[in-house]
């Protein structure tokens, strides 16, 4: 089943979509469909991660906030050093 949606966009947004679709050698419609699909996949992944984290927390499995912050900072330092 295909659904057609009309979405009002600012001219600048439309121009950017045109540019990005051209870079991918696809129509704007195809580009937008891909964007929506990817966004939904990302959202499902977030929902699954949150559900998993809530289940872990309910079972008493969690990581201390300070540990998470330290690991994140170390990861970002590694990214900065690699550049």
C-alpha atoms as a PDB file:
ATOM      1  CA  UNK A   1       0.000   0.000   0.000  1.00  0.00           C
ATOM      2  CA  UNK A   2       1.245   3.474  -0.832  1.00  0.00           C
ATOM      3  CA  UNK A   3       0.183   6.594   0.991  1.00  0.00           C
ATOM      4  CA  UNK A   4       0.573  10.048  -0.528  1.00  0.00           C
ATOM      5  CA  UNK A   5       1.057  12.975   1.824  1.00  0.00           C
ATOM      6  CA  UNK A   6       1.123  16.680   1.103  1.00  0.00           C
ATOM      7  CA  UNK A   7       3.499  18.582   3.344  1.00  0.00           C
ATOM      8  CA  UNK A   8       3.970  22.336   3.257  1.00  0.00           C
ATOM      9  CA  UNK A   9       7.688  23.190   3.193  1.00  0.00           C
ATOM     10  CA  UNK A  10       9.592  26.442   3.149  1.00  0.00           C
ATOM     11  CA  UNK A  11      11.296  27.155  -0.153  1.00  0.00           C
ATOM     12  CA  UNK A  12      14.702  26.782   1.498  1.00  0.00           C
ATOM     13  CA  UNK A  13      13.783  23.319   2.802  1.00  0.00           C
ATOM     14  CA  UNK A  14      12.530  22.249  -0.613  1.00  0.00           C
ATOM     15  CA  UNK A  15      15.743  23.503  -2.203  1.00  0.00           C
ATOM     16  CA  UNK A  16      17.804  21.502   0.287  1.00  0.00           C
ATOM     17  CA  UNK A  17      15.735  18.373  -0.382  1.00  0.00           C
ATOM     18  CA  UNK A  18      16.215  18.867  -4.107  1.00  0.00           C
ATOM     19  CA  UNK A  19      19.965  19.204  -3.603  1.00  0.00           C
ATOM     20  CA  UNK A  20      20.229  16.105  -1.415  1.00  0.00           C
ATOM     21  CA  UNK A  21      18.046  14.014  -3.707  1.00  0.00           C
ATOM     22  CA  UNK A  22      20.214  15.063  -6.662  1.00  0.00           C
ATOM     23  CA  UNK A  23      23.327  13.955  -4.767  1.00  0.00           C
ATOM     24  CA  UNK A  24      21.745  10.513  -4.332  1.00  0.00           C
ATOM     25  CA  UNK A  25      20.435  10.473  -7.923  1.00  0.00           C
ATOM     26  CA  UNK A  26      16.874   9.845  -6.754  1.00  0.00           C
ATOM     27  CA  UNK A  27      13.620  11.765  -6.836  1.00  0.00           C
ATOM     28  CA  UNK A  28      12.652  13.965  -3.906  1.00  0.00           C
ATOM     29  CA  UNK A  29       9.789  11.546  -3.234  1.00  0.00           C
ATOM     30  CA  UNK A  30      12.192   8.604  -2.961  1.00  0.00           C
ATOM     31  CA  UNK A  31      14.573  10.616  -0.814  1.00  0.00           C
ATOM     32  CA  UNK A  32      11.777  11.622   1.572  1.00  0.00           C
ATOM     33  CA  UNK A  33      10.462   8.055   1.758  1.00  0.00           C
ATOM     34  CA  UNK A  34      13.958   6.889   2.741  1.00  0.00           C
ATOM     35  CA  UNK A  35      14.236   9.632   5.355  1.00  0.00           C
ATOM     36  CA  UNK A  36      10.938   8.605   6.915  1.00  0.00           C
ATOM     37  CA  UNK A  37      11.904   4.919   6.894  1.00  0.00           C
ATOM     38  CA  UNK A  38      15.255   5.665   8.545  1.00  0.00           C
ATOM     39  CA  UNK A  39      13.630   7.902  11.143  1.00  0.00           C
ATOM     40  CA  UNK A  40      11.156   5.161  12.032  1.00  0.00           C
ATOM     41  CA  UNK A  41      13.971   2.613  12.316  1.00  0.00           C
ATOM     42  CA  UNK A  42      15.886   4.963  14.594  1.00  0.00           C
ATOM     43  CA  UNK A  43      12.806   5.572  16.719  1.00  0.00           C
ATOM     44  CA  UNK A  44      12.150   1.840  17.085  1.00  0.00           C
ATOM     45  CA  UNK A  45      15.768   1.347  18.182  1.00  0.00           C
ATOM     46  CA  UNK A  46      15.377   4.068  20.808  1.00  0.00           C
ATOM     47  CA  UNK A  47      12.126   2.561  22.066  1.00  0.00           C
ATOM     48  CA  UNK A  48      13.763  -0.876  22.333  1.00  0.00           C
ATOM     49  CA  UNK A  49      16.776   0.543  24.173  1.00  0.00           C
ATOM     50  CA  UNK A  50      14.557   2.404  26.629  1.00  0.00           C
ATOM     51  CA  UNK A  51      12.449  -0.706  27.278  1.00  0.00           C
ATOM     52  CA  UNK A  52      15.604  -2.751  27.828  1.00  0.00           C
ATOM     53  CA  UNK A  53      17.045  -0.119  30.170  1.00  0.00           C
ATOM     54  CA  UNK A  54      13.812   0.029  32.179  1.00  0.00           C
ATOM     55  CA  UNK A  55      13.788  -3.752  32.505  1.00  0.00           C
ATOM     56  CA  UNK A  56      17.433  -3.719  33.607  1.00  0.00           C
ATOM     57  CA  UNK A  57      16.712  -1.003  36.159  1.00  0.00           C
ATOM     58  CA  UNK A  58      13.687  -2.901  37.494  1.00  0.00           C
ATOM     59  CA  UNK A  59      15.983  -5.908  37.990  1.00  0.00           C
ATOM     60  CA  UNK A  60      18.573  -3.761  39.757  1.00  0.00           C
ATOM     61  CA  UNK A  61      21.017  -3.794  36.850  1.00  0.00           C
ATOM     62  CA  UNK A  62      22.329  -0.327  36.141  1.00  0.00           C
ATOM     63  CA  UNK A  63      25.549   1.619  35.720  1.00  0.00           C
ATOM     64  CA  UNK A  64      26.430   4.501  37.973  1.00  0.00           C
ATOM     65  CA  UNK A  65      26.013   7.899  36.315  1.00  0.00           C
ATOM     66  CA  UNK A  66      29.613   8.921  37.004  1.00  0.00           C
ATOM     67  CA  UNK A  67      30.864   5.792  35.203  1.00  0.00           C
ATOM     68  CA  UNK A  68      28.711   6.569  32.163  1.00  0.00           C
ATOM     69  CA  UNK A  69      29.958  10.161  32.055  1.00  0.00           C
ATOM     70  CA  UNK A  70      33.592   9.064  32.373  1.00  0.00           C
ATOM     71  CA  UNK A  71      33.187   6.489  29.570  1.00  0.00           C
ATOM     72  CA  UNK A  72      31.469   9.046  27.340  1.00  0.00           C
ATOM     73  CA  UNK A  73      34.168  11.631  27.919  1.00  0.00           C
ATOM     74  CA  UNK A  74      36.873   9.058  27.169  1.00  0.00           C
ATOM     75  CA  UNK A  75      35.092   8.045  23.968  1.00  0.00           C
ATOM     76  CA  UNK A  76      34.801  11.664  22.810  1.00  0.00           C
ATOM     77  CA  UNK A  77      38.437  12.343  23.668  1.00  0.00           C
ATOM     78  CA  UNK A  78      39.361   9.363  21.480  1.00  0.00           C
ATOM     79  CA  UNK A  79      37.326  10.779  18.615  1.00  0.00           C
ATOM     80  CA  UNK A  80      38.943  14.201  18.972  1.00  0.00           C
ATOM     81  CA  UNK A  81      42.432  12.672  19.113  1.00  0.00           C
ATOM     82  CA  UNK A  82      41.790  10.599  15.976  1.00  0.00           C
ATOM     83  CA  UNK A  83      40.906  13.718  13.975  1.00  0.00           C
END
